[in-house]
Amino acid sequence: ERVFLGLALLHRYRNKREGTRFEDLYEILDEREKQE
């Protein structure tokens, strides 16, 4: 849930999530959760 919340807030200011220093954390979520 922390990563989901963080990713949603990241997309609040940025269209793409690639190219950040946090990409290893994204893997805590599955693909459906990333898309949501």
PDB file of all heavy atoms in Angstrom:
ATOM      1  N   GLU A   1       0.829  -1.211   0.000  1.00  0.00           N
ATOM      2  CA  GLU A   1       0.000   0.000   0.000  1.00  0.00           C
ATOM      3  C   GLU A   1       0.862   1.261   0.000  1.00  0.00           C
ATOM      4  O   GLU A   1       0.493   2.268  -0.618  1.00  0.00           O
ATOM      5  CB  GLU A   1      -0.938  -0.012   1.206  1.00  0.00           C
ATOM      6  CG  GLU A   1      -2.012  -1.071   1.122  1.00  0.00           C
ATOM      7  CD  GLU A   1      -2.820  -1.213   2.397  1.00  0.00           C
ATOM      8  OE1 GLU A   1      -2.287  -0.925   3.496  1.00  0.00           O
ATOM      9  OE2 GLU A   1      -3.985  -1.640   2.309  1.00  0.00           O
ATOM     10  N   ARG A   2       1.991   1.200   0.680  1.00  0.00           N
ATOM     11  CA  ARG A   2       2.917   2.339   0.637  1.00  0.00           C
ATOM     12  C   ARG A   2       3.378   2.604  -0.797  1.00  0.00           C
ATOM     13  O   ARG A   2       3.406   3.755  -1.260  1.00  0.00           O
ATOM     14  CB  ARG A   2       4.153   2.054   1.500  1.00  0.00           C
ATOM     15  CG  ARG A   2       3.967   2.238   2.988  1.00  0.00           C
ATOM     16  CD  ARG A   2       5.252   1.974   3.737  1.00  0.00           C
ATOM     17  NE  ARG A   2       5.065   2.181   5.154  1.00  0.00           N
ATOM     18  CZ  ARG A   2       5.231   3.343   5.790  1.00  0.00           C
ATOM     19  NH1 ARG A   2       5.617   4.400   5.095  1.00  0.00           N
ATOM     20  NH2 ARG A   2       5.029   3.451   7.078  1.00  0.00           N
ATOM     21  N   VAL A   3       3.755   1.550  -1.483  1.00  0.00           N
ATOM     22  CA  VAL A   3       4.258   1.708  -2.848  1.00  0.00           C
ATOM     23  C   VAL A   3       3.129   2.147  -3.781  1.00  0.00           C
ATOM     24  O   VAL A   3       3.326   2.999  -4.655  1.00  0.00           O
ATOM     25  CB  VAL A   3       4.922   0.415  -3.342  1.00  0.00           C
ATOM     26  CG1 VAL A   3       5.365   0.544  -4.793  1.00  0.00           C
ATOM     27  CG2 VAL A   3       6.131   0.079  -2.460  1.00  0.00           C
ATOM     28  N   PHE A   4       1.934   1.594  -3.606  1.00  0.00           N
ATOM     29  CA  PHE A   4       0.787   2.028  -4.413  1.00  0.00           C
ATOM     30  C   PHE A   4       0.526   3.514  -4.216  1.00  0.00           C
ATOM     31  O   PHE A   4       0.343   4.270  -5.184  1.00  0.00           O
ATOM     32  CB  PHE A   4      -0.452   1.216  -4.037  1.00  0.00           C
ATOM     33  CG  PHE A   4      -1.668   1.537  -4.860  1.00  0.00           C
ATOM     34  CD1 PHE A   4      -1.998   0.765  -5.963  1.00  0.00           C
ATOM     35  CD2 PHE A   4      -2.484   2.608  -4.549  1.00  0.00           C
ATOM     36  CE1 PHE A   4      -3.116   1.067  -6.740  1.00  0.00           C
ATOM     37  CE2 PHE A   4      -3.603   2.922  -5.310  1.00  0.00           C
ATOM     38  CZ  PHE A   4      -3.919   2.144  -6.410  1.00  0.00           C
ATOM     39  N   LEU A   5       0.500   3.948  -2.954  1.00  0.00           N
ATOM     40  CA  LEU A   5       0.275   5.358  -2.649  1.00  0.00           C
ATOM     41  C   LEU A   5       1.371   6.224  -3.254  1.00  0.00           C
ATOM     42  O   LEU A   5       1.102   7.273  -3.870  1.00  0.00           O
ATOM     43  CB  LEU A   5       0.210   5.542  -1.126  1.00  0.00           C
ATOM     44  CG  LEU A   5       0.018   6.958  -0.586  1.00  0.00           C
ATOM     45  CD1 LEU A   5      -1.281   7.569  -1.095  1.00  0.00           C
ATOM     46  CD2 LEU A   5       0.040   6.942   0.946  1.00  0.00           C
ATOM     47  N   GLY A   6       2.616   5.801  -3.097  1.00  0.00           N
ATOM     48  CA  GLY A   6       3.734   6.558  -3.654  1.00  0.00           C
ATOM     49  C   GLY A   6       3.675   6.650  -5.166  1.00  0.00           C
ATOM     50  O   GLY A   6       3.936   7.715  -5.749  1.00  0.00           O
ATOM     51  N   LEU A   7       3.305   5.551  -5.814  1.00  0.00           N
ATOM     52  CA  LEU A   7       3.255   5.544  -7.276  1.00  0.00           C
ATOM     53  C   LEU A   7       2.120   6.427  -7.788  1.00  0.00           C
ATOM     54  O   LEU A   7       2.274   7.136  -8.791  1.00  0.00           O
ATOM     55  CB  LEU A   7       3.085   4.108  -7.771  1.00  0.00           C
ATOM     56  CG  LEU A   7       3.335   3.852  -9.260  1.00  0.00           C
ATOM     57  CD1 LEU A   7       4.695   4.370  -9.695  1.00  0.00           C
ATOM     58  CD2 LEU A   7       3.208   2.363  -9.565  1.00  0.00           C
ATOM     59  N   ALA A   8       0.979   6.396  -7.100  1.00  0.00           N
ATOM     60  CA  ALA A   8      -0.124   7.284  -7.484  1.00  0.00           C
ATOM     61  C   ALA A   8       0.298   8.746  -7.376  1.00  0.00           C
ATOM     62  O   ALA A   8       0.017   9.562  -8.271  1.00  0.00           O
ATOM     63  CB  ALA A   8      -1.347   7.009  -6.613  1.00  0.00           C
ATOM     64  N   LEU A   9       0.981   9.100  -6.306  1.00  0.00           N
ATOM     65  CA  LEU A   9       1.424  10.484  -6.124  1.00  0.00           C
ATOM     66  C   LEU A   9       2.521  10.856  -7.114  1.00  0.00           C
ATOM     67  O   LEU A   9       2.612  12.008  -7.555  1.00  0.00           O
ATOM     68  CB  LEU A   9       1.896  10.691  -4.683  1.00  0.00           C
ATOM     69  CG  LEU A   9       0.780  10.625  -3.634  1.00  0.00           C
ATOM     70  CD1 LEU A   9       1.358  10.575  -2.228  1.00  0.00           C
ATOM     71  CD2 LEU A   9      -0.166  11.804  -3.778  1.00  0.00           C
ATOM     72  N   LEU A  10       3.354   9.892  -7.484  1.00  0.00           N
ATOM     73  CA  LEU A  10       4.351  10.147  -8.524  1.00  0.00           C
ATOM     74  C   LEU A  10       3.659  10.504  -9.839  1.00  0.00           C
ATOM     75  O   LEU A  10       4.034  11.469 -10.519  1.00  0.00           O
ATOM     76  CB  LEU A  10       5.254   8.933  -8.672  1.00  0.00           C
ATOM     77  CG  LEU A  10       6.411   9.035  -9.683  1.00  0.00           C
ATOM     78  CD1 LEU A  10       7.614   8.256  -9.168  1.00  0.00           C
ATOM     79  CD2 LEU A  10       6.033   8.528 -11.062  1.00  0.00           C
ATOM     80  N   HIS A  11       2.602   9.741 -10.188  1.00  0.00           N
ATOM     81  CA  HIS A  11       1.876  10.014 -11.426  1.00  0.00           C
ATOM     82  C   HIS A  11       1.024  11.278 -11.327  1.00  0.00           C
ATOM     83  O   HIS A  11       0.573  11.784 -12.352  1.00  0.00           O
ATOM     84  CB  HIS A  11       1.010   8.814 -11.811  1.00  0.00           C
ATOM     85  CG  HIS A  11       1.765   7.716 -12.486  1.00  0.00           C
ATOM     86  ND1 HIS A  11       2.356   7.878 -13.725  1.00  0.00           N
ATOM     87  CD2 HIS A  11       2.037   6.438 -12.102  1.00  0.00           C
ATOM     88  CE1 HIS A  11       2.945   6.746 -14.082  1.00  0.00           C
ATOM     89  NE2 HIS A  11       2.771   5.859 -13.110  1.00  0.00           N
ATOM     90  N   ARG A  12       0.807  11.770 -10.132  1.00  0.00           N
ATOM     91  CA  ARG A  12       0.136  13.068  -9.985  1.00  0.00           C
ATOM     92  C   ARG A  12       0.958  14.175 -10.635  1.00  0.00           C
ATOM     93  O   ARG A  12       0.429  15.185 -11.119  1.00  0.00           O
ATOM     94  CB  ARG A  12      -0.082  13.344  -8.487  1.00  0.00           C
ATOM     95  CG  ARG A  12      -0.296  14.785  -8.060  1.00  0.00           C
ATOM     96  CD  ARG A  12      -1.599  15.360  -8.551  1.00  0.00           C
ATOM     97  NE  ARG A  12      -1.791  16.731  -8.090  1.00  0.00           N
ATOM     98  CZ  ARG A  12      -1.363  17.822  -8.721  1.00  0.00           C
ATOM     99  NH1 ARG A  12      -0.671  17.721  -9.838  1.00  0.00           N
ATOM    100  NH2 ARG A  12      -1.619  19.015  -8.228  1.00  0.00           N
ATOM    101  N   TYR A  13       2.281  13.985 -10.679  1.00  0.00           N
ATOM    102  CA  TYR A  13       3.164  15.016 -11.219  1.00  0.00           C
ATOM    103  C   TYR A  13       3.942  14.562 -12.450  1.00  0.00           C
ATOM    104  O   TYR A  13       4.661  15.363 -13.044  1.00  0.00           O
ATOM    105  CB  TYR A  13       4.164  15.464 -10.150  1.00  0.00           C
ATOM    106  CG  TYR A  13       3.519  16.276  -9.057  1.00  0.00           C
ATOM    107  CD1 TYR A  13       3.258  15.710  -7.809  1.00  0.00           C
ATOM    108  CD2 TYR A  13       3.147  17.595  -9.277  1.00  0.00           C
ATOM    109  CE1 TYR A  13       2.656  16.455  -6.808  1.00  0.00           C
ATOM    110  CE2 TYR A  13       2.546  18.344  -8.272  1.00  0.00           C
ATOM    111  CZ  TYR A  13       2.298  17.771  -7.045  1.00  0.00           C
ATOM    112  OH  TYR A  13       1.698  18.502  -6.058  1.00  0.00           O
ATOM    113  N   ARG A  14       3.815  13.302 -12.815  1.00  0.00           N
ATOM    114  CA  ARG A  14       4.654  12.794 -13.892  1.00  0.00           C
ATOM    115  C   ARG A  14       3.914  11.696 -14.641  1.00  0.00           C
ATOM    116  O   ARG A  14       3.342  10.790 -14.019  1.00  0.00           O
ATOM    117  CB  ARG A  14       5.956  12.259 -13.285  1.00  0.00           C
ATOM    118  CG  ARG A  14       6.919  11.596 -14.234  1.00  0.00           C
ATOM    119  CD  ARG A  14       8.201  11.275 -13.501  1.00  0.00           C
ATOM    120  NE  ARG A  14       9.060  10.434 -14.328  1.00  0.00           N
ATOM    121  CZ  ARG A  14      10.372  10.330 -14.163  1.00  0.00           C
ATOM    122  NH1 ARG A  14      10.969  11.022 -13.212  1.00  0.00           N
ATOM    123  NH2 ARG A  14      11.086   9.546 -14.923  1.00  0.00           N
ATOM    124  N   ASN A  15       3.927  11.770 -15.992  1.00  0.00           N
ATOM    125  CA  ASN A  15       3.207  10.771 -16.778  1.00  0.00           C
ATOM    126  C   ASN A  15       3.850   9.397 -16.702  1.00  0.00           C
ATOM    127  O   ASN A  15       3.171   8.387 -16.555  1.00  0.00           O
ATOM    128  CB  ASN A  15       3.128  11.213 -18.243  1.00  0.00           C
ATOM    129  CG  ASN A  15       1.908  12.087 -18.511  1.00  0.00           C
ATOM    130  OD1 ASN A  15       0.852  11.878 -17.932  1.00  0.00           O
ATOM    131  ND2 ASN A  15       2.061  13.071 -19.380  1.00  0.00           N
ATOM    132  N   LYS A  16       5.167   9.332 -16.802  1.00  0.00           N
ATOM    133  CA  LYS A  16       5.866   8.052 -16.856  1.00  0.00           C
ATOM    134  C   LYS A  16       6.591   7.774 -15.545  1.00  0.00           C
ATOM    135  O   LYS A  16       7.147   8.670 -14.931  1.00  0.00           O
ATOM    136  CB  LYS A  16       6.856   8.039 -18.017  1.00  0.00           C
ATOM    137  CG  LYS A  16       6.180   8.141 -19.388  1.00  0.00           C
ATOM    138  CD  LYS A  16       7.213   8.069 -20.506  1.00  0.00           C
ATOM    139  CE  LYS A  16       6.541   8.133 -21.876  1.00  0.00           C
ATOM    140  NZ  LYS A  16       7.535   8.059 -22.970  1.00  0.00           N
ATOM    141  N   ARG A  17       6.597   6.521 -15.158  1.00  0.00           N
ATOM    142  CA  ARG A  17       7.289   6.133 -13.930  1.00  0.00           C
ATOM    143  C   ARG A  17       8.691   5.589 -14.198  1.00  0.00           C
ATOM    144  O   ARG A  17       9.473   5.406 -13.271  1.00  0.00           O
ATOM    145  CB  ARG A  17       6.478   5.111 -13.160  1.00  0.00           C
ATOM    146  CG  ARG A  17       6.117   3.844 -13.914  1.00  0.00           C
ATOM    147  CD  ARG A  17       5.277   2.925 -13.030  1.00  0.00           C
ATOM    148  NE  ARG A  17       4.694   1.817 -13.762  1.00  0.00           N
ATOM    149  CZ  ARG A  17       3.505   1.834 -14.325  1.00  0.00           C
ATOM    150  NH1 ARG A  17       2.777   2.949 -14.264  1.00  0.00           N
ATOM    151  NH2 ARG A  17       3.027   0.778 -14.953  1.00  0.00           N
ATOM    152  N   GLU A  18       8.999   5.310 -15.445  1.00  0.00           N
ATOM    153  CA  GLU A  18      10.324   4.788 -15.776  1.00  0.00           C
ATOM    154  C   GLU A  18      11.379   5.886 -15.602  1.00  0.00           C
ATOM    155  O   GLU A  18      11.096   7.073 -15.735  1.00  0.00           O
ATOM    156  CB  GLU A  18      10.352   4.283 -17.215  1.00  0.00           C
ATOM    157  CG  GLU A  18       9.492   3.053 -17.470  1.00  0.00           C
ATOM    158  CD  GLU A  18       8.013   3.369 -17.592  1.00  0.00           C
ATOM    159  OE1 GLU A  18       7.671   4.554 -17.826  1.00  0.00           O
ATOM    160  OE2 GLU A  18       7.197   2.438 -17.437  1.00  0.00           O
ATOM    161  N   GLY A  19      12.595   5.439 -15.305  1.00  0.00           N
ATOM    162  CA  GLY A  19      13.704   6.381 -15.215  1.00  0.00           C
ATOM    163  C   GLY A  19      13.899   7.007 -13.857  1.00  0.00           C
ATOM    164  O   GLY A  19      14.680   7.951 -13.702  1.00  0.00           O
ATOM    165  N   THR A  20      13.209   6.497 -12.823  1.00  0.00           N
ATOM    166  CA  THR A  20      13.428   7.002 -11.472  1.00  0.00           C
ATOM    167  C   THR A  20      14.341   6.035 -10.717  1.00  0.00           C
ATOM    168  O   THR A  20      14.602   4.917 -11.171  1.00  0.00           O
ATOM    169  CB  THR A  20      12.105   7.139 -10.696  1.00  0.00           C
ATOM    170  OG1 THR A  20      11.646   5.831 -10.317  1.00  0.00           O
ATOM    171  CG2 THR A  20      11.040   7.833 -11.532  1.00  0.00           C
ATOM    172  N   ARG A  21      14.778   6.460  -9.550  1.00  0.00           N
ATOM    173  CA  ARG A  21      15.638   5.608  -8.728  1.00  0.00           C
ATOM    174  C   ARG A  21      14.829   4.607  -7.894  1.00  0.00           C
ATOM    175  O   ARG A  21      15.383   3.893  -7.053  1.00  0.00           O
ATOM    176  CB  ARG A  21      16.515   6.465  -7.815  1.00  0.00           C
ATOM    177  CG  ARG A  21      15.751   7.414  -6.925  1.00  0.00           C
ATOM    178  CD  ARG A  21      16.675   8.435  -6.262  1.00  0.00           C
ATOM    179  NE  ARG A  21      15.947   9.483  -5.575  1.00  0.00           N
ATOM    180  CZ  ARG A  21      15.602   9.439  -4.291  1.00  0.00           C
ATOM    181  NH1 ARG A  21      15.925   8.387  -3.553  1.00  0.00           N
ATOM    182  NH2 ARG A  21      14.943  10.449  -3.738  1.00  0.00           N
ATOM    183  N   PHE A  22      13.509   4.564  -8.119  1.00  0.00           N
ATOM    184  CA  PHE A  22      12.650   3.722  -7.293  1.00  0.00           C
ATOM    185  C   PHE A  22      12.133   2.486  -8.030  1.00  0.00           C
ATOM    186  O   PHE A  22      11.260   1.793  -7.529  1.00  0.00           O
ATOM    187  CB  PHE A  22      11.433   4.526  -6.807  1.00  0.00           C
ATOM    188  CG  PHE A  22      11.786   5.784  -6.069  1.00  0.00           C
ATOM    189  CD1 PHE A  22      11.429   7.023  -6.576  1.00  0.00           C
ATOM    190  CD2 PHE A  22      12.472   5.728  -4.871  1.00  0.00           C
ATOM    191  CE1 PHE A  22      11.751   8.184  -5.902  1.00  0.00           C
ATOM    192  CE2 PHE A  22      12.796   6.884  -4.183  1.00  0.00           C
ATOM    193  CZ  PHE A  22      12.440   8.110  -4.696  1.00  0.00           C
ATOM    194  N   GLU A  23      12.661   2.213  -9.201  1.00  0.00           N
ATOM    195  CA  GLU A  23      12.044   1.173 -10.035  1.00  0.00           C
ATOM    196  C   GLU A  23      12.056  -0.205  -9.384  1.00  0.00           C
ATOM    197  O   GLU A  23      11.167  -1.025  -9.649  1.00  0.00           O
ATOM    198  CB  GLU A  23      12.711   1.142 -11.413  1.00  0.00           C
ATOM    199  CG  GLU A  23      12.405   2.405 -12.227  1.00  0.00           C
ATOM    200  CD  GLU A  23      12.833   2.298 -13.682  1.00  0.00           C
ATOM    201  OE1 GLU A  23      12.620   1.234 -14.288  1.00  0.00           O
ATOM    202  OE2 GLU A  23      13.383   3.278 -14.196  1.00  0.00           O
ATOM    203  N   ASP A  24      13.040  -0.472  -8.523  1.00  0.00           N
ATOM    204  CA  ASP A  24      13.050  -1.777  -7.862  1.00  0.00           C
ATOM    205  C   ASP A  24      11.865  -1.919  -6.897  1.00  0.00           C
ATOM    206  O   ASP A  24      11.371  -3.019  -6.664  1.00  0.00           O
ATOM    207  CB  ASP A  24      14.370  -2.018  -7.126  1.00  0.00           C
ATOM    208  CG  ASP A  24      14.692  -0.937  -6.104  1.00  0.00           C
ATOM    209  OD1 ASP A  24      14.177   0.192  -6.235  1.00  0.00           O
ATOM    210  OD2 ASP A  24      15.478  -1.213  -5.176  1.00  0.00           O
ATOM    211  N   LEU A  25      11.386  -0.782  -6.367  1.00  0.00           N
ATOM    212  CA  LEU A  25      10.245  -0.834  -5.446  1.00  0.00           C
ATOM    213  C   LEU A  25       8.937  -1.129  -6.164  1.00  0.00           C
ATOM    214  O   LEU A  25       8.004  -1.679  -5.571  1.00  0.00           O
ATOM    215  CB  LEU A  25      10.115   0.487  -4.679  1.00  0.00           C
ATOM    216  CG  LEU A  25      11.268   0.851  -3.751  1.00  0.00           C
ATOM    217  CD1 LEU A  25      11.003   2.191  -3.080  1.00  0.00           C
ATOM    218  CD2 LEU A  25      11.486  -0.219  -2.696  1.00  0.00           C
ATOM    219  N   TYR A  26       8.849  -0.756  -7.424  1.00  0.00           N
ATOM    220  CA  TYR A  26       7.620  -1.009  -8.172  1.00  0.00           C
ATOM    221  C   TYR A  26       7.282  -2.499  -8.196  1.00  0.00           C
ATOM    222  O   TYR A  26       6.112  -2.874  -8.319  1.00  0.00           O
ATOM    223  CB  TYR A  26       7.729  -0.522  -9.619  1.00  0.00           C
ATOM    224  CG  TYR A  26       8.072   0.933  -9.817  1.00  0.00           C
ATOM    225  CD1 TYR A  26       8.564   1.385 -11.043  1.00  0.00           C
ATOM    226  CD2 TYR A  26       7.912   1.876  -8.804  1.00  0.00           C
ATOM    227  CE1 TYR A  26       8.882   2.716 -11.265  1.00  0.00           C
ATOM    228  CE2 TYR A  26       8.238   3.215  -9.007  1.00  0.00           C
ATOM    229  CZ  TYR A  26       8.720   3.633 -10.242  1.00  0.00           C
ATOM    230  OH  TYR A  26       9.048   4.944 -10.447  1.00  0.00           O
ATOM    231  N   GLU A  27       8.308  -3.336  -8.090  1.00  0.00           N
ATOM    232  CA  GLU A  27       8.090  -4.776  -8.219  1.00  0.00           C
ATOM    233  C   GLU A  27       7.345  -5.361  -7.028  1.00  0.00           C
ATOM    234  O   GLU A  27       6.942  -6.529  -7.052  1.00  0.00           O
ATOM    235  CB  GLU A  27       9.424  -5.497  -8.418  1.00  0.00           C
ATOM    236  CG  GLU A  27      10.160  -5.061  -9.680  1.00  0.00           C
ATOM    237  CD  GLU A  27       9.254  -5.032 -10.898  1.00  0.00           C
ATOM    238  OE1 GLU A  27       8.599  -6.067 -11.169  1.00  0.00           O
ATOM    239  OE2 GLU A  27       9.192  -3.981 -11.578  1.00  0.00           O
ATOM    240  N   ILE A  28       7.165  -4.567  -5.969  1.00  0.00           N
ATOM    241  CA  ILE A  28       6.342  -5.017  -4.847  1.00  0.00           C
ATOM    242  C   ILE A  28       4.876  -5.111  -5.275  1.00  0.00           C
ATOM    243  O   ILE A  28       4.085  -5.853  -4.686  1.00  0.00           O
ATOM    244  CB  ILE A  28       6.523  -4.057  -3.640  1.00  0.00           C
ATOM    245  CG1 ILE A  28       7.958  -4.222  -3.077  1.00  0.00           C
ATOM    246  CG2 ILE A  28       5.506  -4.301  -2.539  1.00  0.00           C
ATOM    247  CD1 ILE A  28       8.310  -3.260  -1.973  1.00  0.00           C
ATOM    248  N   LEU A  29       4.507  -4.376  -6.327  1.00  0.00           N
ATOM    249  CA  LEU A  29       3.152  -4.395  -6.866  1.00  0.00           C
ATOM    250  C   LEU A  29       3.075  -5.319  -8.077  1.00  0.00           C
ATOM    251  O   LEU A  29       4.055  -5.493  -8.800  1.00  0.00           O
ATOM    252  CB  LEU A  29       2.721  -2.988  -7.292  1.00  0.00           C
ATOM    253  CG  LEU A  29       2.785  -1.875  -6.246  1.00  0.00           C
ATOM    254  CD1 LEU A  29       2.359  -0.560  -6.871  1.00  0.00           C
ATOM    255  CD2 LEU A  29       1.924  -2.213  -5.041  1.00  0.00           C
ATOM    256  N   ASP A  30       1.883  -5.855  -8.333  1.00  0.00           N
ATOM    257  CA  ASP A  30       1.692  -6.589  -9.580  1.00  0.00           C
ATOM    258  C   ASP A  30       1.296  -5.594 -10.674  1.00  0.00           C
ATOM    259  O   ASP A  30       1.083  -4.404 -10.408  1.00  0.00           O
ATOM    260  CB  ASP A  30       0.674  -7.722  -9.428  1.00  0.00           C
ATOM    261  CG  ASP A  30      -0.722  -7.238  -9.027  1.00  0.00           C
ATOM    262  OD1 ASP A  30      -1.114  -6.116  -9.412  1.00  0.00           O
ATOM    263  OD2 ASP A  30      -1.437  -7.998  -8.344  1.00  0.00           O
ATOM    264  N   GLU A  31       1.180  -6.073 -11.902  1.00  0.00           N
ATOM    265  CA  GLU A  31       0.933  -5.173 -13.034  1.00  0.00           C
ATOM    266  C   GLU A  31      -0.414  -4.463 -12.917  1.00  0.00           C
ATOM    267  O   GLU A  31      -0.542  -3.284 -13.274  1.00  0.00           O
ATOM    268  CB  GLU A  31       1.004  -5.957 -14.347  1.00  0.00           C
ATOM    269  CG  GLU A  31       2.410  -6.419 -14.712  1.00  0.00           C
ATOM    270  CD  GLU A  31       3.396  -5.253 -14.800  1.00  0.00           C
ATOM    271  OE1 GLU A  31       3.042  -4.201 -15.391  1.00  0.00           O
ATOM    272  OE2 GLU A  31       4.513  -5.386 -14.277  1.00  0.00           O
ATOM    273  N   ARG A  32      -1.427  -5.166 -12.418  1.00  0.00           N
ATOM    274  CA  ARG A  32      -2.740  -4.532 -12.257  1.00  0.00           C
ATOM    275  C   ARG A  32      -2.673  -3.394 -11.252  1.00  0.00           C
ATOM    276  O   ARG A  32      -3.258  -2.319 -11.467  1.00  0.00           O
ATOM    277  CB  ARG A  32      -3.768  -5.579 -11.812  1.00  0.00           C
ATOM    278  CG  ARG A  32      -5.178  -5.014 -11.617  1.00  0.00           C
ATOM    279  CD  ARG A  32      -6.114  -6.081 -11.064  1.00  0.00           C
ATOM    280  NE  ARG A  32      -5.628  -6.624  -9.809  1.00  0.00           N
ATOM    281  CZ  ARG A  32      -5.806  -6.036  -8.627  1.00  0.00           C
ATOM    282  NH1 ARG A  32      -6.429  -4.875  -8.544  1.00  0.00           N
ATOM    283  NH2 ARG A  32      -5.344  -6.602  -7.528  1.00  0.00           N
ATOM    284  N   GLU A  33      -1.963  -3.594 -10.151  1.00  0.00           N
ATOM    285  CA  GLU A  33      -1.841  -2.551  -9.133  1.00  0.00           C
ATOM    286  C   GLU A  33      -1.070  -1.345  -9.664  1.00  0.00           C
ATOM    287  O   GLU A  33      -1.416  -0.192  -9.374  1.00  0.00           O
ATOM    288  CB  GLU A  33      -1.160  -3.121  -7.891  1.00  0.00           C
ATOM    289  CG  GLU A  33      -2.012  -4.109  -7.122  1.00  0.00           C
ATOM    290  CD  GLU A  33      -1.242  -4.847  -6.050  1.00  0.00           C
ATOM    291  OE1 GLU A  33      -0.042  -5.137  -6.260  1.00  0.00           O
ATOM    292  OE2 GLU A  33      -1.829  -5.139  -4.997  1.00  0.00           O
ATOM    293  N   LYS A  34      -0.029  -1.596 -10.444  1.00  0.00           N
ATOM    294  CA  LYS A  34       0.716  -0.485 -11.051  1.00  0.00           C
ATOM    295  C   LYS A  34      -0.190   0.346 -11.957  1.00  0.00           C
ATOM    296  O   LYS A  34      -0.136   1.581 -11.948  1.00  0.00           O
ATOM    297  CB  LYS A  34       1.907  -1.013 -11.852  1.00  0.00           C
ATOM    298  CG  LYS A  34       3.000  -1.659 -11.030  1.00  0.00           C
ATOM    299  CD  LYS A  34       4.073  -2.236 -11.956  1.00  0.00           C
ATOM    300  CE  LYS A  34       4.998  -3.189 -11.232  1.00  0.00           C
ATOM    301  NZ  LYS A  34       5.961  -3.825 -12.155  1.00  0.00           N
ATOM    302  N   GLN A  35      -1.008  -0.348 -12.734  1.00  0.00           N
ATOM    303  CA  GLN A  35      -1.895   0.355 -13.649  1.00  0.00           C
ATOM    304  C   GLN A  35      -2.950   1.165 -12.890  1.00  0.00           C
ATOM    305  O   GLN A  35      -3.268   2.304 -13.253  1.00  0.00           O
ATOM    306  CB  GLN A  35      -2.562  -0.654 -14.587  1.00  0.00           C
ATOM    307  CG  GLN A  35      -3.194  -0.050 -15.831  1.00  0.00           C
ATOM    308  CD  GLN A  35      -4.672   0.246 -15.652  1.00  0.00           C
ATOM    309  OE1 GLN A  35      -5.309  -0.283 -14.739  1.00  0.00           O
ATOM    310  NE2 GLN A  35      -5.217   1.099 -16.521  1.00  0.00           N
ATOM    311  N   GLU A  36      -3.490   0.597 -11.809  1.00  0.00           N
ATOM    312  CA  GLU A  36      -4.473   1.314 -10.995  1.00  0.00           C
ATOM    313  C   GLU A  36      -3.853   2.559 -10.362  1.00  0.00           C
ATOM    314  O   GLU A  36      -4.486   3.620 -10.288  1.00  0.00           O
ATOM    315  CB  GLU A  36      -5.013   0.404  -9.892  1.00  0.00           C
ATOM    316  CG  GLU A  36      -6.037  -0.602 -10.355  1.00  0.00           C
ATOM    317  CD  GLU A  36      -6.600  -1.415  -9.203  1.00  0.00           C
ATOM    318  OE1 GLU A  36      -6.275  -1.090  -8.037  1.00  0.00           O
ATOM    319  OE2 GLU A  36      -7.345  -2.361  -9.458  1.00  0.00           O
TER     320      GLU A  36
END
